[in-house]
Amino acid sequence: MEKRIESAQRSFLNGLSCCQAVIKPYCVHYGLDPEQMAKIASGFGGGMTVGKTCGALSGAIMVLGMALGFHDPGTSSEARQVYRSKVTELIRTFEAQHLHSECTALLGLDLSLPGGREKANAADLSATLCTQFIATAMTTVEAILSRSGIVIA
């Protein structure tokens, strides 16, 4: 797991969004094209570009979907509830560690406002905070998956 986290943090610091960086290490395991998934996830970084839900957390929710999500409209309400409870656990655990799940609150500034990204870059928030959010999101999702009997090699 540590190698996946380090890889994700490196990808993020090299230019991927936090969401893209989180999902990338899991794509091959689930038979998904990393490039296509990165395109799908491109609008989720920076709290969906407007400071809403943390992109690292959104990426971890996507990983839960890769492993446990449903696609059949006939999926039972019980199965849907099991999945939703795991998403809720992920969010609540992240919030317990960082007090918030909204990017603006986590960073203490709004990336969508003029000069927001420049302020974040000047304060080096990517390296000091966002990499922590990536680690928390990935550690938490892997713990949830492990308790569900899913181990990522």
Protein backbone atom coordinates (compact mmCIF):
# COMPACT_ATOMS: atom_id res chain seq x y z
CA MET A 1 0.00 0.00 0.00
CA GLU A 2 2.81 2.43 0.84
CA LYS A 3 4.16 2.16 -2.71
CA ARG A 4 0.73 2.99 -4.14
CA ILE A 5 0.44 6.01 -1.85
CA GLU A 6 3.92 7.23 -2.73
CA SER A 7 3.20 6.72 -6.42
CA ALA A 8 -0.06 8.68 -6.12
CA GLN A 9 1.62 11.51 -4.23
CA ARG A 10 4.39 11.67 -6.83
CA SER A 11 1.86 11.69 -9.68
CA PHE A 12 -0.01 14.51 -7.95
CA LEU A 13 3.12 16.58 -7.39
CA ASN A 14 4.04 15.97 -11.05
CA GLY A 15 0.77 17.42 -12.32
CA LEU A 16 -2.14 15.01 -12.04
CA SER A 17 -5.10 16.19 -10.01
CA CYS A 18 -5.53 14.67 -6.56
CA CYS A 19 -8.45 12.58 -7.81
CA GLN A 20 -6.55 11.31 -10.83
CA ALA A 21 -3.54 10.47 -8.66
CA VAL A 22 -5.64 8.43 -6.22
CA ILE A 23 -7.40 6.29 -8.83
CA LYS A 24 -4.41 5.68 -11.09
CA PRO A 25 -2.72 2.96 -8.98
CA TYR A 26 -5.94 0.91 -8.86
CA CYS A 27 -6.91 0.97 -12.54
CA VAL A 28 -4.79 -1.95 -13.71
CA HIS A 29 -5.93 -4.10 -10.77
CA TYR A 30 -9.54 -3.60 -11.88
CA GLY A 31 -8.83 -3.96 -15.60
CA LEU A 32 -9.46 -0.30 -16.37
CA ASP A 33 -7.46 1.88 -18.72
CA PRO A 34 -5.55 4.42 -16.56
CA GLU A 35 -5.60 7.07 -19.28
CA GLN A 36 -9.35 6.81 -19.78
CA MET A 37 -9.99 6.84 -16.04
CA ALA A 38 -7.74 9.89 -15.65
CA LYS A 39 -9.87 11.64 -18.26
CA ILE A 40 -13.05 10.69 -16.39
CA ALA A 41 -11.58 11.95 -13.10
CA SER A 42 -10.09 15.16 -14.51
CA GLY A 43 -12.89 17.42 -13.28
CA PHE A 44 -12.85 16.18 -9.67
CA GLY A 45 -9.57 17.71 -8.49
CA GLY A 46 -9.62 20.86 -6.40
CA GLY A 47 -13.01 19.97 -5.01
CA MET A 48 -14.56 19.59 -8.48
CA THR A 49 -12.60 22.73 -9.40
CA VAL A 50 -14.76 24.89 -7.11
CA GLY A 51 -13.60 23.86 -3.64
CA LYS A 52 -16.30 21.30 -2.91
CA THR A 53 -15.61 17.64 -1.98
CA CYS A 54 -11.87 16.93 -1.80
CA GLY A 55 -10.64 15.33 -5.00
CA ALA A 56 -8.58 12.73 -3.14
CA LEU A 57 -11.74 11.69 -1.31
CA SER A 58 -13.70 11.63 -4.58
CA GLY A 59 -11.00 9.41 -6.06
CA ALA A 60 -11.21 7.03 -3.12
CA ILE A 61 -14.98 6.83 -3.60
CA MET A 62 -14.31 5.92 -7.24
CA VAL A 63 -11.96 3.16 -6.05
CA LEU A 64 -14.74 1.83 -3.80
CA GLY A 65 -16.96 1.85 -6.87
CA MET A 66 -14.36 -0.07 -8.87
CA ALA A 67 -14.33 -2.77 -6.19
CA LEU A 68 -17.83 -2.83 -4.76
CA GLY A 69 -20.04 -0.60 -6.87
CA PHE A 70 -23.12 -1.68 -8.74
CA HIS A 71 -24.14 -1.18 -12.37
CA ASP A 72 -27.27 -3.26 -12.76
CA PRO A 73 -30.53 -1.32 -12.31
CA GLY A 74 -31.88 -4.45 -10.64
CA THR A 75 -29.31 -4.37 -7.85
CA SER A 76 -31.14 -4.99 -4.59
CA SER A 77 -31.70 -2.17 -2.15
CA GLU A 78 -29.75 -4.21 0.43
CA ALA A 79 -26.69 -4.41 -1.83
CA ARG A 80 -26.96 -0.71 -2.60
CA GLN A 81 -27.12 0.07 1.11
CA VAL A 82 -24.02 -2.02 1.83
CA TYR A 83 -22.09 -0.02 -0.78
CA ARG A 84 -23.46 3.31 0.44
CA SER A 85 -22.51 2.46 4.02
CA LYS A 86 -18.91 1.93 2.91
CA VAL A 87 -18.92 5.30 1.12
CA THR A 88 -20.29 6.90 4.28
CA GLU A 89 -17.61 5.20 6.38
CA LEU A 90 -14.91 6.48 4.03
CA ILE A 91 -16.19 10.06 4.21
CA ARG A 92 -16.70 10.01 7.99
CA THR A 93 -13.22 8.56 8.59
CA PHE A 94 -11.64 11.20 6.36
CA GLU A 95 -13.57 13.95 8.15
CA ALA A 96 -12.58 12.56 11.56
CA GLN A 97 -8.92 12.89 10.60
CA HIS A 98 -9.11 16.26 8.83
CA LEU A 99 -12.28 17.83 10.32
CA HIS A 100 -13.71 18.56 6.85
CA SER A 101 -14.19 16.98 3.45
CA GLU A 102 -14.60 20.22 1.48
CA CYS A 103 -11.46 21.38 -0.31
CA THR A 104 -11.97 25.05 0.61
CA ALA A 105 -12.18 24.23 4.33
CA LEU A 106 -9.29 21.76 4.17
CA LEU A 107 -6.97 24.23 2.46
CA GLY A 108 -8.20 27.38 4.15
CA LEU A 109 -8.69 29.08 0.80
CA ASP A 110 -10.89 28.87 -2.26
CA LEU A 111 -9.06 27.62 -5.35
CA SER A 112 -11.89 28.84 -7.58
CA LEU A 113 -11.46 32.50 -6.65
CA PRO A 114 -9.08 34.72 -8.62
CA GLY A 115 -5.60 34.17 -7.23
CA GLY A 116 -6.67 31.11 -5.21
CA ARG A 117 -4.46 28.62 -7.00
CA GLU A 118 -1.56 31.06 -6.94
CA LYS A 119 -1.94 31.44 -3.14
CA ALA A 120 -2.08 27.67 -2.74
CA ASN A 121 1.07 27.28 -4.84
CA ALA A 122 2.89 30.02 -2.91
CA ALA A 123 2.05 28.29 0.38
CA ASP A 124 3.04 24.90 -1.11
CA LEU A 125 -0.27 23.41 -0.02
CA SER A 126 0.03 20.60 -2.56
CA ALA A 127 3.09 19.21 -0.82
CA THR A 128 2.14 20.08 2.75
CA LEU A 129 -1.58 19.30 2.87
CA CYS A 130 -2.89 17.64 -0.28
CA THR A 131 -0.39 14.79 -0.12
CA GLN A 132 -1.71 14.06 3.40
CA PHE A 133 -5.28 14.00 2.07
CA ILE A 134 -4.19 11.56 -0.65
CA ALA A 135 -2.59 9.29 1.96
CA THR A 136 -5.66 9.38 4.23
CA ALA A 137 -8.05 8.67 1.37
CA MET A 138 -6.00 5.74 0.10
CA THR A 139 -5.26 4.25 3.52
CA THR A 140 -8.92 4.45 4.45
CA VAL A 141 -10.26 2.96 1.23
CA GLU A 142 -7.80 0.07 1.43
CA ALA A 143 -8.81 -0.61 5.05
CA ILE A 144 -12.48 -0.70 4.04
CA LEU A 145 -11.72 -2.99 1.11
CA SER A 146 -9.62 -5.27 3.31
CA ARG A 147 -12.45 -5.63 5.84
CA SER A 148 -14.65 -6.54 2.85
CA GLY A 149 -12.24 -9.34 1.90
CA ILE A 150 -10.62 -7.44 -0.96
CA VAL A 151 -6.85 -7.21 -0.94
CA ILE A 152 -4.98 -5.16 -3.53
CA ALA A 153 -1.64 -6.79 -4.33
